[in-house]
Amino acid sequence: MNKTKQIIQEFERLNKTKTIKIDGTDRKRLIFINSDEVFKIFSNCNDERGLNPFNDYSYNWLNEFLCDFLDSINEEDNINDIMRDFEDNINEKIDGTTDIYTSNLTAWLNHNNSNVYYLTEALEEQEIKDGFNLLQIAQYKAIEESYYSFLSSLKTYLNNKYELEL
């Protein structure tokens, strides 16, 4: 079996999820079936940019990231080419993950106090008068941070497990 096929099988296994109900609430949360392995690979213990157990959105975003990664793989392609193409197109993938509905964006903002940081960043960088666009840009920044953290973790994992030079 070639390395690319092994990588596909490995990340299909790692990206298996289920939804659980959070005790004492009506909320549901996505979790990874192989959560210990996934957390070890994709959490960034020094900050909140990677998979964060206190941020449900990071689990959804990692699931989207891994789906995008798996969608970009062709068994016949060289993994270095795949990674280069994936990284070149990562901003399009972030665009596709950013919410378009105001209710979803305000729910995201309300979900974690640290999301105000991204709103402040968007406000400082943009000349935007529309609150909806401001929320979208803030969420885009949060997803972008997470995706680049996931990408770094993915490269490290592939380098270590499959002895690749990415």
Protein backbone atom coordinates (compact mmCIF):
# COMPACT_ATOMS: atom_id res chain seq x y z
CA MET A 1 0.00 0.00 0.00
CA ASN A 2 1.45 3.41 -0.92
CA LYS A 3 1.90 6.19 1.64
CA THR A 4 -0.87 8.35 0.24
CA LYS A 5 -3.40 5.54 0.63
CA GLN A 6 -2.16 4.92 4.20
CA ILE A 7 -2.57 8.62 4.97
CA ILE A 8 -6.11 8.62 3.59
CA GLN A 9 -7.06 5.63 5.74
CA GLU A 10 -5.40 7.13 8.81
CA PHE A 11 -7.21 10.46 8.52
CA GLU A 12 -10.54 8.85 7.70
CA ARG A 13 -10.12 6.92 10.95
CA LEU A 14 -9.08 9.99 12.93
CA ASN A 15 -11.93 12.11 11.51
CA LYS A 16 -14.70 9.78 12.67
CA THR A 17 -17.06 11.74 14.89
CA LYS A 18 -20.26 11.45 16.85
CA THR A 19 -22.56 13.97 18.43
CA ILE A 20 -23.21 13.86 22.16
CA LYS A 21 -25.65 15.74 24.36
CA ILE A 22 -24.02 17.88 27.01
CA ASP A 23 -25.29 16.84 30.43
CA GLY A 24 -27.74 19.25 32.02
CA THR A 25 -28.31 21.24 28.81
CA ASP A 26 -30.12 21.03 25.51
CA ARG A 27 -26.83 21.54 23.64
CA LYS A 28 -25.10 18.94 21.54
CA ARG A 29 -21.40 18.71 20.80
CA LEU A 30 -19.35 17.06 18.09
CA ILE A 31 -16.59 14.81 19.42
CA PHE A 32 -14.01 12.65 17.74
CA ILE A 33 -14.31 8.91 18.34
CA ASN A 34 -10.52 8.67 18.66
CA SER A 35 -10.47 11.81 20.77
CA ASP A 36 -7.26 11.12 22.70
CA GLU A 37 -5.26 10.66 19.50
CA VAL A 38 -6.88 13.60 17.74
CA PHE A 39 -6.36 15.88 20.72
CA LYS A 40 -2.72 14.82 21.00
CA ILE A 41 -2.13 15.64 17.33
CA PHE A 42 -4.17 18.83 16.92
CA SER A 43 -4.22 20.59 20.26
CA ASN A 44 -1.77 23.37 20.77
CA CYS A 45 -1.20 23.31 24.51
CA ASN A 46 0.40 26.76 24.56
CA ASP A 47 -2.63 28.64 23.27
CA GLU A 48 -6.22 28.25 22.09
CA ARG A 49 -5.56 28.11 18.34
CA GLY A 50 -5.65 24.33 17.97
CA LEU A 51 -8.27 21.89 19.13
CA ASN A 52 -9.60 23.43 22.33
CA PRO A 53 -11.76 21.42 24.78
CA PHE A 54 -13.40 24.68 25.91
CA ASN A 55 -14.40 25.73 22.39
CA ASP A 56 -16.94 23.53 20.60
CA TYR A 57 -16.32 25.40 17.36
CA SER A 58 -12.74 24.18 17.23
CA TYR A 59 -14.03 20.59 16.99
CA ASN A 60 -16.36 21.50 14.13
CA TRP A 61 -13.59 23.42 12.37
CA LEU A 62 -11.11 20.55 12.74
CA ASN A 63 -13.71 18.16 11.32
CA GLU A 64 -14.21 20.54 8.35
CA PHE A 65 -10.44 20.93 7.95
CA LEU A 66 -9.92 17.17 7.85
CA CYS A 67 -12.82 16.69 5.42
CA ASP A 68 -11.27 19.35 3.16
CA PHE A 69 -7.89 17.65 3.46
CA LEU A 70 -9.34 14.24 2.60
CA ASP A 71 -11.27 15.72 -0.33
CA SER A 72 -8.04 17.14 -1.73
CA ILE A 73 -6.20 13.80 -1.73
CA ASN A 74 -5.94 11.57 -4.74
CA GLU A 75 -4.25 8.21 -4.11
CA GLU A 76 -2.19 8.60 -7.26
CA ASP A 77 -0.75 11.98 -6.33
CA ASN A 78 2.45 12.68 -4.47
CA ILE A 79 1.74 13.76 -0.88
CA ASN A 80 4.10 16.74 -1.19
CA ASP A 81 2.09 18.01 -4.17
CA ILE A 82 -1.15 17.40 -2.29
CA MET A 83 0.07 19.37 0.71
CA ARG A 84 1.31 22.24 -1.44
CA ASP A 85 -2.03 22.46 -3.29
CA PHE A 86 -3.98 22.16 -0.03
CA GLU A 87 -1.97 24.96 1.56
CA ASP A 88 -2.31 27.13 -1.55
CA ASN A 89 -6.10 26.80 -1.39
CA ILE A 90 -6.57 27.01 2.38
CA ASN A 91 -8.12 30.49 2.29
CA GLU A 92 -10.89 29.23 -0.01
CA LYS A 93 -11.56 26.45 2.48
CA ILE A 94 -11.73 28.98 5.33
CA ASP A 95 -14.19 31.06 3.27
CA GLY A 96 -16.37 27.99 2.87
CA THR A 97 -16.34 27.33 6.61
CA THR A 98 -17.23 30.89 7.67
CA ASP A 99 -20.93 31.24 8.54
CA ILE A 100 -23.20 33.32 6.36
CA TYR A 101 -26.16 33.57 8.73
CA THR A 102 -26.29 36.32 11.33
CA SER A 103 -27.81 34.01 13.96
CA ASN A 104 -24.90 31.57 13.57
CA LEU A 105 -22.35 34.37 13.73
CA THR A 106 -23.85 35.89 16.88
CA ALA A 107 -24.07 32.42 18.45
CA TRP A 108 -20.36 31.94 17.68
CA LEU A 109 -19.51 35.35 19.18
CA ASN A 110 -21.54 34.56 22.29
CA HIS A 111 -20.07 31.05 22.67
CA ASN A 112 -16.68 32.08 24.00
CA ASN A 113 -15.52 35.37 25.53
CA SER A 114 -12.23 35.14 23.64
CA ASN A 115 -14.14 35.60 20.36
CA VAL A 116 -14.38 39.31 21.15
CA TYR A 117 -10.63 39.41 20.43
CA TYR A 118 -11.31 38.48 16.79
CA LEU A 119 -14.07 41.07 16.59
CA THR A 120 -11.65 43.70 17.87
CA GLU A 121 -9.01 42.57 15.36
CA ALA A 122 -11.50 42.80 12.51
CA LEU A 123 -12.66 46.23 13.67
CA GLU A 124 -9.09 47.55 13.86
CA GLU A 125 -8.08 46.21 10.43
CA GLN A 126 -11.17 46.96 8.39
CA GLU A 127 -13.12 50.05 7.45
CA ILE A 128 -16.46 48.30 7.85
CA LYS A 129 -19.69 49.95 8.81
CA ASP A 130 -21.79 46.79 8.58
CA GLY A 131 -21.92 44.68 11.75
CA PHE A 132 -22.73 41.51 9.79
CA ASN A 133 -19.58 41.83 7.68
CA LEU A 134 -17.59 42.63 10.78
CA LEU A 135 -18.81 39.43 12.46
CA GLN A 136 -17.99 37.41 9.34
CA ILE A 137 -14.47 38.82 9.21
CA ALA A 138 -14.02 38.16 12.94
CA GLN A 139 -15.10 34.55 12.54
CA TYR A 140 -12.93 34.19 9.43
CA LYS A 141 -9.93 35.33 11.51
CA ALA A 142 -10.73 32.76 14.21
CA ILE A 143 -11.09 29.96 11.66
CA GLU A 144 -7.93 31.10 9.88
CA GLU A 145 -5.93 30.86 13.10
CA SER A 146 -7.33 27.41 13.78
CA TYR A 147 -6.76 26.15 10.23
CA TYR A 148 -3.14 27.29 10.16
CA SER A 149 -2.59 25.67 13.55
CA PHE A 150 -4.21 22.46 12.26
CA LEU A 151 -2.05 22.64 9.12
CA SER A 152 1.11 22.95 11.19
CA SER A 153 0.02 20.01 13.36
CA LEU A 154 -0.86 17.98 10.28
CA LYS A 155 2.57 18.56 8.74
CA THR A 156 4.33 17.64 11.98
CA TYR A 157 2.26 14.47 12.29
CA LEU A 158 2.90 13.45 8.68
CA ASN A 159 6.62 14.17 9.05
CA ASN A 160 6.87 12.10 12.22
CA LYS A 161 4.59 9.18 11.34
CA TYR A 162 5.35 8.80 7.63
CA GLU A 163 8.85 10.26 7.52
CA LEU A 164 7.86 12.91 5.02
CA GLU A 165 9.68 16.16 4.45
CA LEU A 166 6.86 18.70 4.14
